[in-house]
PDB file of N, CA and C in Angstrom:
ATOM      1  N   MET A   1      20.974   8.791  -4.293  1.00  0.00           N
ATOM      2  CA  MET A   1      20.788   7.362  -4.387  1.00  0.00           C
ATOM      3  C   MET A   1      19.292   7.053  -4.532  1.00  0.00           C
ATOM      4  N   ARG A   2      18.963   6.273  -5.540  1.00  0.00           N
ATOM      5  CA  ARG A   2      17.572   5.899  -5.767  1.00  0.00           C
ATOM      6  C   ARG A   2      17.180   4.745  -4.858  1.00  0.00           C
ATOM      7  N   THR A   3      16.035   4.902  -4.248  1.00  0.00           N
ATOM      8  CA  THR A   3      15.524   3.853  -3.368  1.00  0.00           C
ATOM      9  C   THR A   3      14.668   2.874  -4.169  1.00  0.00           C
ATOM     10  N   ASP A   4      14.301   1.772  -3.531  1.00  0.00           N
ATOM     11  CA  ASP A   4      13.381   0.826  -4.166  1.00  0.00           C
ATOM     12  C   ASP A   4      12.059   1.516  -4.504  1.00  0.00           C
ATOM     13  N   LEU A   5      11.606   2.378  -3.602  1.00  0.00           N
ATOM     14  CA  LEU A   5      10.354   3.095  -3.857  1.00  0.00           C
ATOM     15  C   LEU A   5      10.499   3.997  -5.075  1.00  0.00           C
ATOM     16  N   ASP A   6      11.618   4.693  -5.201  1.00  0.00           N
ATOM     17  CA  ASP A   6      11.859   5.531  -6.377  1.00  0.00           C
ATOM     18  C   ASP A   6      11.793   4.693  -7.656  1.00  0.00           C
ATOM     19  N   GLN A   7      12.377   3.511  -7.615  1.00  0.00           N
ATOM     20  CA  GLN A   7      12.361   2.631  -8.779  1.00  0.00           C
ATOM     21  C   GLN A   7      10.953   2.162  -9.106  1.00  0.00           C
ATOM     22  N   GLN A   8      10.164   1.870  -8.085  1.00  0.00           N
ATOM     23  CA  GLN A   8       8.770   1.467  -8.311  1.00  0.00           C
ATOM     24  C   GLN A   8       7.966   2.603  -8.932  1.00  0.00           C
ATOM     25  N   ILE A   9       8.152   3.807  -8.406  1.00  0.00           N
ATOM     26  CA  ILE A   9       7.432   4.969  -8.951  1.00  0.00           C
ATOM     27  C   ILE A   9       7.827   5.187 -10.403  1.00  0.00           C
ATOM     28  N   GLU A  10       9.115   5.100 -10.692  1.00  0.00           N
ATOM     29  CA  GLU A  10       9.600   5.258 -12.067  1.00  0.00           C
ATOM     30  C   GLU A  10       8.976   4.208 -12.984  1.00  0.00           C
ATOM     31  N   TYR A  11       8.927   2.969 -12.518  1.00  0.00           N
ATOM     32  CA  TYR A  11       8.333   1.889 -13.304  1.00  0.00           C
ATOM     33  C   TYR A  11       6.868   2.185 -13.619  1.00  0.00           C
ATOM     34  N   TRP A  12       6.084   2.515 -12.605  1.00  0.00           N
ATOM     35  CA  TRP A  12       4.658   2.756 -12.812  1.00  0.00           C
ATOM     36  C   TRP A  12       4.412   4.004 -13.642  1.00  0.00           C
ATOM     37  N   ASN A  13       5.254   5.008 -13.499  1.00  0.00           N
ATOM     38  CA  ASN A  13       5.134   6.187 -14.359  1.00  0.00           C
ATOM     39  C   ASN A  13       5.345   5.806 -15.826  1.00  0.00           C
ATOM     40  N   ARG A  14       6.249   4.890 -16.071  1.00  0.00           N
ATOM     41  CA  ARG A  14       6.613   4.512 -17.429  1.00  0.00           C
ATOM     42  C   ARG A  14       5.587   3.572 -18.069  1.00  0.00           C
ATOM     43  N   VAL A  15       5.111   2.561 -17.359  1.00  0.00           N
ATOM     44  CA  VAL A  15       4.303   1.515 -18.000  1.00  0.00           C
ATOM     45  C   VAL A  15       2.901   1.349 -17.420  1.00  0.00           C
ATOM     46  N   GLY A  16       2.600   2.010 -16.343  1.00  0.00           N
ATOM     47  CA  GLY A  16       1.339   1.765 -15.653  1.00  0.00           C
ATOM     48  C   GLY A  16       0.096   1.909 -16.497  1.00  0.00           C
ATOM     49  N   SER A  17       0.023   2.961 -17.291  1.00  0.00           N
ATOM     50  CA  SER A  17      -1.213   3.186 -18.051  1.00  0.00           C
ATOM     51  C   SER A  17      -1.386   2.202 -19.193  1.00  0.00           C
ATOM     52  N   THR A  18      -0.352   1.418 -19.499  1.00  0.00           N
ATOM     53  CA  THR A  18      -0.469   0.412 -20.560  1.00  0.00           C
ATOM     54  C   THR A  18      -0.924  -0.937 -20.026  1.00  0.00           C
ATOM     55  N   LYS A  19      -0.974  -1.088 -18.731  1.00  0.00           N
ATOM     56  CA  LYS A  19      -1.335  -2.363 -18.116  1.00  0.00           C
ATOM     57  C   LYS A  19      -2.853  -2.532 -18.067  1.00  0.00           C
ATOM     58  N   SER A  20      -3.278  -3.751 -18.244  1.00  0.00           N
ATOM     59  CA  SER A  20      -4.693  -4.095 -18.077  1.00  0.00           C
ATOM     60  C   SER A  20      -4.822  -4.921 -16.810  1.00  0.00           C
ATOM     61  N   PHE A  21      -5.671  -4.481 -15.937  1.00  0.00           N
ATOM     62  CA  PHE A  21      -5.933  -5.218 -14.710  1.00  0.00           C
ATOM     63  C   PHE A  21      -7.335  -5.792 -14.824  1.00  0.00           C
ATOM     64  N   LEU A  22      -7.448  -7.082 -14.647  1.00  0.00           N
ATOM     65  CA  LEU A  22      -8.716  -7.745 -14.899  1.00  0.00           C
ATOM     66  C   LEU A  22      -9.377  -8.309 -13.652  1.00  0.00           C
ATOM     67  N   HIS A  23      -8.762  -8.119 -12.479  1.00  0.00           N
ATOM     68  CA  HIS A  23      -9.399  -8.671 -11.288  1.00  0.00           C
ATOM     69  C   HIS A  23     -10.759  -7.992 -11.098  1.00  0.00           C
ATOM     70  N   PRO A  24     -11.755  -8.786 -10.794  1.00  0.00           N
ATOM     71  CA  PRO A  24     -13.115  -8.247 -10.715  1.00  0.00           C
ATOM     72  C   PRO A  24     -13.355  -7.421  -9.449  1.00  0.00           C
ATOM     73  N   VAL A  25     -14.289  -6.508  -9.567  1.00  0.00           N
ATOM     74  CA  VAL A  25     -14.788  -5.766  -8.411  1.00  0.00           C
ATOM     75  C   VAL A  25     -16.145  -6.376  -8.097  1.00  0.00           C
ATOM     76  N   ASN A  26     -16.295  -6.934  -6.915  1.00  0.00           N
ATOM     77  CA  ASN A  26     -17.531  -7.597  -6.532  1.00  0.00           C
ATOM     78  C   ASN A  26     -18.530  -6.541  -6.040  1.00  0.00           C
ATOM     79  N   LEU A  27     -19.264  -5.986  -6.979  1.00  0.00           N
ATOM     80  CA  LEU A  27     -20.192  -4.906  -6.645  1.00  0.00           C
ATOM     81  C   LEU A  27     -21.368  -5.373  -5.799  1.00  0.00           C
ATOM     82  N   ASP A  28     -21.796  -6.618  -5.965  1.00  0.00           N
ATOM     83  CA  ASP A  28     -22.884  -7.128  -5.118  1.00  0.00           C
ATOM     84  C   ASP A  28     -22.443  -7.142  -3.660  1.00  0.00           C
ATOM     85  N   ARG A  29     -21.264  -7.640  -3.420  1.00  0.00           N
ATOM     86  CA  ARG A  29     -20.733  -7.685  -2.041  1.00  0.00           C
ATOM     87  C   ARG A  29     -20.513  -6.272  -1.503  1.00  0.00           C
ATOM     88  N   LEU A  30     -19.942  -5.420  -2.338  1.00  0.00           N
ATOM     89  CA  LEU A  30     -19.688  -4.042  -1.914  1.00  0.00           C
ATOM     90  C   LEU A  30     -20.987  -3.337  -1.544  1.00  0.00           C
ATOM     91  N   SER A  31     -22.001  -3.496  -2.365  1.00  0.00           N
ATOM     92  CA  SER A  31     -23.270  -2.813  -2.087  1.00  0.00           C
ATOM     93  C   SER A  31     -23.953  -3.360  -0.839  1.00  0.00           C
ATOM     94  N   ASP A  32     -23.659  -4.605  -0.465  1.00  0.00           N
ATOM     95  CA  ASP A  32     -24.168  -5.148   0.800  1.00  0.00           C
ATOM     96  C   ASP A  32     -23.507  -4.464   1.993  1.00  0.00           C
ATOM     97  N   LEU A  33     -22.275  -4.025   1.804  1.00  0.00           N
ATOM     98  CA  LEU A  33     -21.485  -3.446   2.901  1.00  0.00           C
ATOM     99  C   LEU A  33     -21.486  -1.924   2.929  1.00  0.00           C
ATOM    100  N   LEU A  34     -21.540  -1.304   1.753  1.00  0.00           N
ATOM    101  CA  LEU A  34     -21.422   0.154   1.668  1.00  0.00           C
ATOM    102  C   LEU A  34     -22.489   0.752   0.759  1.00  0.00           C
ATOM    103  N   ALA A  35     -23.165   1.739   1.262  1.00  0.00           N
ATOM    104  CA  ALA A  35     -24.139   2.471   0.451  1.00  0.00           C
ATOM    105  C   ALA A  35     -23.387   3.377  -0.527  1.00  0.00           C
ATOM    106  N   PRO A  36     -24.033   3.779  -1.621  1.00  0.00           N
ATOM    107  CA  PRO A  36     -23.383   4.693  -2.561  1.00  0.00           C
ATOM    108  C   PRO A  36     -22.975   6.034  -1.934  1.00  0.00           C
ATOM    109  N   THR A  37     -23.496   6.335  -0.764  1.00  0.00           N
ATOM    110  CA  THR A  37     -23.126   7.581  -0.079  1.00  0.00           C
ATOM    111  C   THR A  37     -21.882   7.417   0.797  1.00  0.00           C
ATOM    112  N   ALA A  38     -21.352   6.202   0.882  1.00  0.00           N
ATOM    113  CA  ALA A  38     -20.173   5.942   1.723  1.00  0.00           C
ATOM    114  C   ALA A  38     -18.955   6.696   1.194  1.00  0.00           C
ATOM    115  N   SER A  39     -18.060   7.044   2.094  1.00  0.00           N
ATOM    116  CA  SER A  39     -16.780   7.655   1.731  1.00  0.00           C
ATOM    117  C   SER A  39     -15.772   6.540   1.473  1.00  0.00           C
ATOM    118  N   ILE A  40     -15.192   6.552   0.269  1.00  0.00           N
ATOM    119  CA  ILE A  40     -14.259   5.496  -0.125  1.00  0.00           C
ATOM    120  C   ILE A  40     -12.966   6.131  -0.635  1.00  0.00           C
ATOM    121  N   VAL A  41     -11.831   5.668  -0.102  1.00  0.00           N
ATOM    122  CA  VAL A  41     -10.520   6.091  -0.580  1.00  0.00           C
ATOM    123  C   VAL A  41      -9.832   4.886  -1.197  1.00  0.00           C
ATOM    124  N   ASP A  42      -9.354   5.050  -2.418  1.00  0.00           N
ATOM    125  CA  ASP A  42      -8.566   4.024  -3.098  1.00  0.00           C
ATOM    126  C   ASP A  42      -7.121   4.496  -3.051  1.00  0.00           C
ATOM    127  N   TYR A  43      -6.378   3.983  -2.082  1.00  0.00           N
ATOM    128  CA  TYR A  43      -4.977   4.370  -1.934  1.00  0.00           C
ATOM    129  C   TYR A  43      -4.134   3.379  -2.726  1.00  0.00           C
ATOM    130  N   GLY A  44      -3.510   3.892  -3.773  1.00  0.00           N
ATOM    131  CA  GLY A  44      -2.837   3.041  -4.749  1.00  0.00           C
ATOM    132  C   GLY A  44      -3.751   2.858  -5.947  1.00  0.00           C
ATOM    133  N   CYS A  45      -4.453   3.928  -6.313  1.00  0.00           N
ATOM    134  CA  CYS A  45      -5.515   3.857  -7.322  1.00  0.00           C
ATOM    135  C   CYS A  45      -5.018   3.678  -8.744  1.00  0.00           C
ATOM    136  N   GLY A  46      -3.721   3.881  -8.971  1.00  0.00           N
ATOM    137  CA  GLY A  46      -3.228   3.756 -10.345  1.00  0.00           C
ATOM    138  C   GLY A  46      -3.947   4.714 -11.266  1.00  0.00           C
ATOM    139  N   TYR A  47      -4.385   4.216 -12.402  1.00  0.00           N
ATOM    140  CA  TYR A  47      -5.078   5.083 -13.357  1.00  0.00           C
ATOM    141  C   TYR A  47      -6.580   5.165 -13.102  1.00  0.00           C
ATOM    142  N   GLY A  48      -7.028   4.638 -11.975  1.00  0.00           N
ATOM    143  CA  GLY A  48      -8.414   4.845 -11.549  1.00  0.00           C
ATOM    144  C   GLY A  48      -9.415   3.825 -12.023  1.00  0.00           C
ATOM    145  N   ARG A  49      -8.974   2.627 -12.370  1.00  0.00           N
ATOM    146  CA  ARG A  49      -9.894   1.606 -12.885  1.00  0.00           C
ATOM    147  C   ARG A  49     -11.022   1.303 -11.907  1.00  0.00           C
ATOM    148  N   VAL A  50     -10.681   1.054 -10.641  1.00  0.00           N
ATOM    149  CA  VAL A  50     -11.707   0.715  -9.654  1.00  0.00           C
ATOM    150  C   VAL A  50     -12.580   1.933  -9.353  1.00  0.00           C
ATOM    151  N   LEU A  51     -11.984   3.103  -9.267  1.00  0.00           N
ATOM    152  CA  LEU A  51     -12.777   4.317  -9.028  1.00  0.00           C
ATOM    153  C   LEU A  51     -13.790   4.540 -10.144  1.00  0.00           C
ATOM    154  N   LYS A  52     -13.385   4.258 -11.381  1.00  0.00           N
ATOM    155  CA  LYS A  52     -14.310   4.412 -12.512  1.00  0.00           C
ATOM    156  C   LYS A  52     -15.498   3.469 -12.366  1.00  0.00           C
ATOM    157  N   ILE A  53     -15.220   2.230 -11.996  1.00  0.00           N
ATOM    158  CA  ILE A  53     -16.299   1.256 -11.801  1.00  0.00           C
ATOM    159  C   ILE A  53     -17.234   1.733 -10.688  1.00  0.00           C
ATOM    160  N   LEU A  54     -16.657   2.190  -9.576  1.00  0.00           N
ATOM    161  CA  LEU A  54     -17.480   2.695  -8.469  1.00  0.00           C
ATOM    162  C   LEU A  54     -18.334   3.875  -8.923  1.00  0.00           C
ATOM    163  N   PHE A  55     -17.721   4.797  -9.638  1.00  0.00           N
ATOM    164  CA  PHE A  55     -18.449   5.983 -10.114  1.00  0.00           C
ATOM    165  C   PHE A  55     -19.599   5.574 -11.038  1.00  0.00           C
ATOM    166  N   GLU A  56     -19.337   4.640 -11.931  1.00  0.00           N
ATOM    167  CA  GLU A  56     -20.374   4.169 -12.863  1.00  0.00           C
ATOM    168  C   GLU A  56     -21.529   3.493 -12.139  1.00  0.00           C
ATOM    169  N   HIS A  57     -21.299   3.048 -10.907  1.00  0.00           N
ATOM    170  CA  HIS A  57     -22.347   2.387 -10.127  1.00  0.00           C
ATOM    171  C   HIS A  57     -22.899   3.278  -9.016  1.00  0.00           C
ATOM    172  N   GLY A  58     -22.723   4.582  -9.165  1.00  0.00           N
ATOM    173  CA  GLY A  58     -23.398   5.534  -8.282  1.00  0.00           C
ATOM    174  C   GLY A  58     -22.625   6.018  -7.074  1.00  0.00           C
ATOM    175  N   TYR A  59     -21.413   5.531  -6.879  1.00  0.00           N
ATOM    176  CA  TYR A  59     -20.609   6.006  -5.747  1.00  0.00           C
ATOM    177  C   TYR A  59     -19.990   7.342  -6.140  1.00  0.00           C
ATOM    178  N   ARG A  60     -20.229   8.372  -5.336  1.00  0.00           N
ATOM    179  CA  ARG A  60     -19.757   9.719  -5.671  1.00  0.00           C
ATOM    180  C   ARG A  60     -18.788  10.283  -4.640  1.00  0.00           C
ATOM    181  N   ASN A  61     -18.797   9.763  -3.447  1.00  0.00           N
ATOM    182  CA  ASN A  61     -17.939  10.274  -2.379  1.00  0.00           C
ATOM    183  C   ASN A  61     -16.655   9.449  -2.346  1.00  0.00           C
ATOM    184  N   ILE A  62     -15.914   9.527  -3.469  1.00  0.00           N
ATOM    185  CA  ILE A  62     -14.732   8.695  -3.648  1.00  0.00           C
ATOM    186  C   ILE A  62     -13.508   9.566  -3.908  1.00  0.00           C
ATOM    187  N   ALA A  63     -12.358   9.040  -3.546  1.00  0.00           N
ATOM    188  CA  ALA A  63     -11.092   9.724  -3.793  1.00  0.00           C
ATOM    189  C   ALA A  63     -10.025   8.674  -4.036  1.00  0.00           C
ATOM    190  N   GLY A  64      -9.021   9.027  -4.821  1.00  0.00           N
ATOM    191  CA  GLY A  64      -7.930   8.117  -5.101  1.00  0.00           C
ATOM    192  C   GLY A  64      -6.586   8.785  -4.951  1.00  0.00           C
ATOM    193  N   PHE A  65      -5.613   8.022  -4.480  1.00  0.00           N
ATOM    194  CA  PHE A  65      -4.248   8.507  -4.310  1.00  0.00           C
ATOM    195  C   PHE A  65      -3.285   7.457  -4.835  1.00  0.00           C
ATOM    196  N   ASP A  66      -2.182   7.920  -5.416  1.00  0.00           N
ATOM    197  CA  ASP A  66      -1.157   7.004  -5.900  1.00  0.00           C
ATOM    198  C   ASP A  66       0.199   7.683  -5.783  1.00  0.00           C
ATOM    199  N   LEU A  67       1.250   6.903  -5.678  1.00  0.00           N
ATOM    200  CA  LEU A  67       2.604   7.428  -5.568  1.00  0.00           C
ATOM    201  C   LEU A  67       3.150   7.925  -6.904  1.00  0.00           C
ATOM    202  N   ALA A  68       2.694   7.359  -7.996  1.00  0.00           N
ATOM    203  CA  ALA A  68       3.237   7.675  -9.315  1.00  0.00           C
ATOM    204  C   ALA A  68       2.483   8.840  -9.955  1.00  0.00           C
ATOM    205  N   PRO A  69       3.151   9.968 -10.150  1.00  0.00           N
ATOM    206  CA  PRO A  69       2.482  11.135 -10.737  1.00  0.00           C
ATOM    207  C   PRO A  69       1.844  10.863 -12.098  1.00  0.00           C
ATOM    208  N   ALA A  70       2.491  10.068 -12.933  1.00  0.00           N
ATOM    209  CA  ALA A  70       1.922   9.781 -14.252  1.00  0.00           C
ATOM    210  C   ALA A  70       0.615   9.003 -14.134  1.00  0.00           C
ATOM    211  N   MET A  71       0.530   8.128 -13.150  1.00  0.00           N
ATOM    212  CA  MET A  71      -0.702   7.371 -12.945  1.00  0.00           C
ATOM    213  C   MET A  71      -1.826   8.294 -12.479  1.00  0.00           C
ATOM    214  N   VAL A  72      -1.510   9.198 -11.583  1.00  0.00           N
ATOM    215  CA  VAL A  72      -2.515  10.156 -11.103  1.00  0.00           C
ATOM    216  C   VAL A  72      -3.005  11.019 -12.264  1.00  0.00           C
ATOM    217  N   GLU A  73      -2.088  11.460 -13.105  1.00  0.00           N
ATOM    218  CA  GLU A  73      -2.483  12.279 -14.254  1.00  0.00           C
ATOM    219  C   GLU A  73      -3.376  11.499 -15.207  1.00  0.00           C
ATOM    220  N   GLU A  74      -3.046  10.240 -15.449  1.00  0.00           N
ATOM    221  CA  GLU A  74      -3.889   9.393 -16.296  1.00  0.00           C
ATOM    222  C   GLU A  74      -5.280   9.237 -15.675  1.00  0.00           C
ATOM    223  N   ALA A  75      -5.337   9.036 -14.366  1.00  0.00           N
ATOM    224  CA  ALA A  75      -6.626   8.909 -13.678  1.00  0.00           C
ATOM    225  C   ALA A  75      -7.428  10.207 -13.802  1.00  0.00           C
ATOM    226  N   ARG A  76      -6.754  11.337 -13.703  1.00  0.00           N
ATOM    227  CA  ARG A  76      -7.456  12.632 -13.843  1.00  0.00           C
ATOM    228  C   ARG A  76      -8.054  12.780 -15.233  1.00  0.00           C
ATOM    229  N   GLN A  77      -7.350  12.290 -16.245  1.00  0.00           N
ATOM    230  CA  GLN A  77      -7.879  12.351 -17.613  1.00  0.00           C
ATOM    231  C   GLN A  77      -9.110  11.447 -17.766  1.00  0.00           C
ATOM    232  N   ARG A  78      -9.067  10.302 -17.139  1.00  0.00           N
ATOM    233  CA  ARG A  78     -10.160   9.334 -17.259  1.00  0.00           C
ATOM    234  C   ARG A  78     -11.344   9.665 -16.355  1.00  0.00           C
ATOM    235  N   LEU A  79     -11.088  10.375 -15.263  1.00  0.00           N
ATOM    236  CA  LEU A  79     -12.124  10.593 -14.250  1.00  0.00           C
ATOM    237  C   LEU A  79     -12.214  12.063 -13.834  1.00  0.00           C
ATOM    238  N   PRO A  80     -12.557  12.942 -14.741  1.00  0.00           N
ATOM    239  CA  PRO A  80     -12.698  14.335 -14.322  1.00  0.00           C
ATOM    240  C   PRO A  80     -13.799  14.445 -13.262  1.00  0.00           C
ATOM    241  N   GLY A  81     -13.546  15.227 -12.259  1.00  0.00           N
ATOM    242  CA  GLY A  81     -14.537  15.397 -11.204  1.00  0.00           C
ATOM    243  C   GLY A  81     -14.337  14.500  -9.997  1.00  0.00           C
ATOM    244  N   VAL A  82     -13.453  13.501 -10.102  1.00  0.00           N
ATOM    245  CA  VAL A  82     -13.144  12.638  -8.961  1.00  0.00           C
ATOM    246  C   VAL A  82     -11.874  13.168  -8.310  1.00  0.00           C
ATOM    247  N   GLU A  83     -11.870  13.232  -6.977  1.00  0.00           N
ATOM    248  CA  GLU A  83     -10.699  13.715  -6.247  1.00  0.00           C
ATOM    249  C   GLU A  83      -9.551  12.724  -6.390  1.00  0.00           C
ATOM    250  N   LEU A  84      -8.423  13.222  -6.894  1.00  0.00           N
ATOM    251  CA  LEU A  84      -7.247  12.380  -7.097  1.00  0.00           C
ATOM    252  C   LEU A  84      -6.014  13.146  -6.649  1.00  0.00           C
ATOM    253  N   GLY A  85      -5.046  12.434  -6.113  1.00  0.00           N
ATOM    254  CA  GLY A  85      -3.839  13.099  -5.669  1.00  0.00           C
ATOM    255  C   GLY A  85      -2.680  12.133  -5.529  1.00  0.00           C
ATOM    256  N   ARG A  86      -1.538  12.704  -5.165  1.00  0.00           N
ATOM    257  CA  ARG A  86      -0.339  11.923  -4.929  1.00  0.00           C
ATOM    258  C   ARG A  86      -0.162  11.709  -3.445  1.00  0.00           C
ATOM    259  N   ARG A  87       0.802  10.898  -3.077  1.00  0.00           N
ATOM    260  CA  ARG A  87       1.048  10.590  -1.665  1.00  0.00           C
ATOM    261  C   ARG A  87       1.169  11.855  -0.838  1.00  0.00           C
ATOM    262  N   ALA A  88       1.849  12.863  -1.364  1.00  0.00           N
ATOM    263  CA  ALA A  88       2.051  14.099  -0.617  1.00  0.00           C
ATOM    264  C   ALA A  88       0.729  14.809  -0.327  1.00  0.00           C
ATOM    265  N   ASP A  89      -0.295  14.512  -1.120  1.00  0.00           N
ATOM    266  CA  ASP A  89      -1.595  15.143  -0.940  1.00  0.00           C
ATOM    267  C   ASP A  89      -2.448  14.438   0.104  1.00  0.00           C
ATOM    268  N   PHE A  90      -2.060  13.219   0.469  1.00  0.00           N
ATOM    269  CA  PHE A  90      -2.881  12.409   1.358  1.00  0.00           C
ATOM    270  C   PHE A  90      -2.741  12.885   2.794  1.00  0.00           C
ATOM    271  N   THR A  91      -3.851  13.262   3.363  1.00  0.00           N
ATOM    272  CA  THR A  91      -3.874  13.660   4.764  1.00  0.00           C
ATOM    273  C   THR A  91      -4.922  12.814   5.464  1.00  0.00           C
ATOM    274  N   SER A  92      -5.188  13.101   6.706  1.00  0.00           N
ATOM    275  CA  SER A  92      -6.189  12.322   7.434  1.00  0.00           C
ATOM    276  C   SER A  92      -7.594  12.574   6.909  1.00  0.00           C
ATOM    277  N   SER A  93      -7.737  13.545   6.049  1.00  0.00           N
ATOM    278  CA  SER A  93      -9.037  13.842   5.480  1.00  0.00           C
ATOM    279  C   SER A  93      -8.869  14.039   3.974  1.00  0.00           C
ATOM    280  N   ALA A  94      -9.541  13.251   3.172  1.00  0.00           N
ATOM    281  CA  ALA A  94      -9.414  13.358   1.719  1.00  0.00           C
ATOM    282  C   ALA A  94     -10.003  14.674   1.242  1.00  0.00           C
ATOM    283  N   PRO A  95      -9.359  15.339   0.289  1.00  0.00           N
ATOM    284  CA  PRO A  95      -9.839  16.632  -0.182  1.00  0.00           C
ATOM    285  C   PRO A  95     -11.221  16.532  -0.804  1.00  0.00           C
ATOM    286  N   GLY A  96     -12.059  17.485  -0.470  1.00  0.00           N
ATOM    287  CA  GLY A  96     -13.369  17.584  -1.084  1.00  0.00           C
ATOM    288  C   GLY A  96     -14.393  16.579  -0.631  1.00  0.00           C
ATOM    289  N   CYS A  97     -14.024  15.647   0.208  1.00  0.00           N
ATOM    290  CA  CYS A  97     -14.956  14.604   0.603  1.00  0.00           C
ATOM    291  C   CYS A  97     -15.695  14.947   1.888  1.00  0.00           C
ATOM    292  N   GLY A  98     -15.260  15.961   2.586  1.00  0.00           N
ATOM    293  CA  GLY A  98     -15.950  16.381   3.787  1.00  0.00           C
ATOM    294  C   GLY A  98     -15.819  15.411   4.943  1.00  0.00           C
ATOM    295  N   TRP A  99     -14.782  14.599   4.942  1.00  0.00           N
ATOM    296  CA  TRP A  99     -14.567  13.643   6.027  1.00  0.00           C
ATOM    297  C   TRP A  99     -13.880  14.332   7.167  1.00  0.00           C
ATOM    298  N   SER A 100     -14.281  14.012   8.367  1.00  0.00           N
ATOM    299  CA  SER A 100     -13.641  14.612   9.529  1.00  0.00           C
ATOM    300  C   SER A 100     -12.362  13.857   9.863  1.00  0.00           C
ATOM    301  N   GLU A 101     -11.466  14.540  10.563  1.00  0.00           N
ATOM    302  CA  GLU A 101     -10.199  13.912  10.937  1.00  0.00           C
ATOM    303  C   GLU A 101     -10.395  12.925  12.051  1.00  0.00           C
TER     304      GLU A 101
END
């Protein structure tokens, strides 16, 4: 039996990379709160739009996770070198970021 979550994952796997998300990232506000050396996890990162913006602005200690495997794969294509994974990969410490539990 397929759950609602299964249906959501299927939907995002099918159409997620075709969607355009236009909500702004307020980098001025973010930089007031977090230095580029901060550890940032984007849980529900999709194809990595926000992670790409962060990376382009000097944030390097970033990681993204999403439930939809196709979205994670798309993010990996767009953001080589950024830690990305699926829900099953998410632990109390993001891979490669050196964060303590």
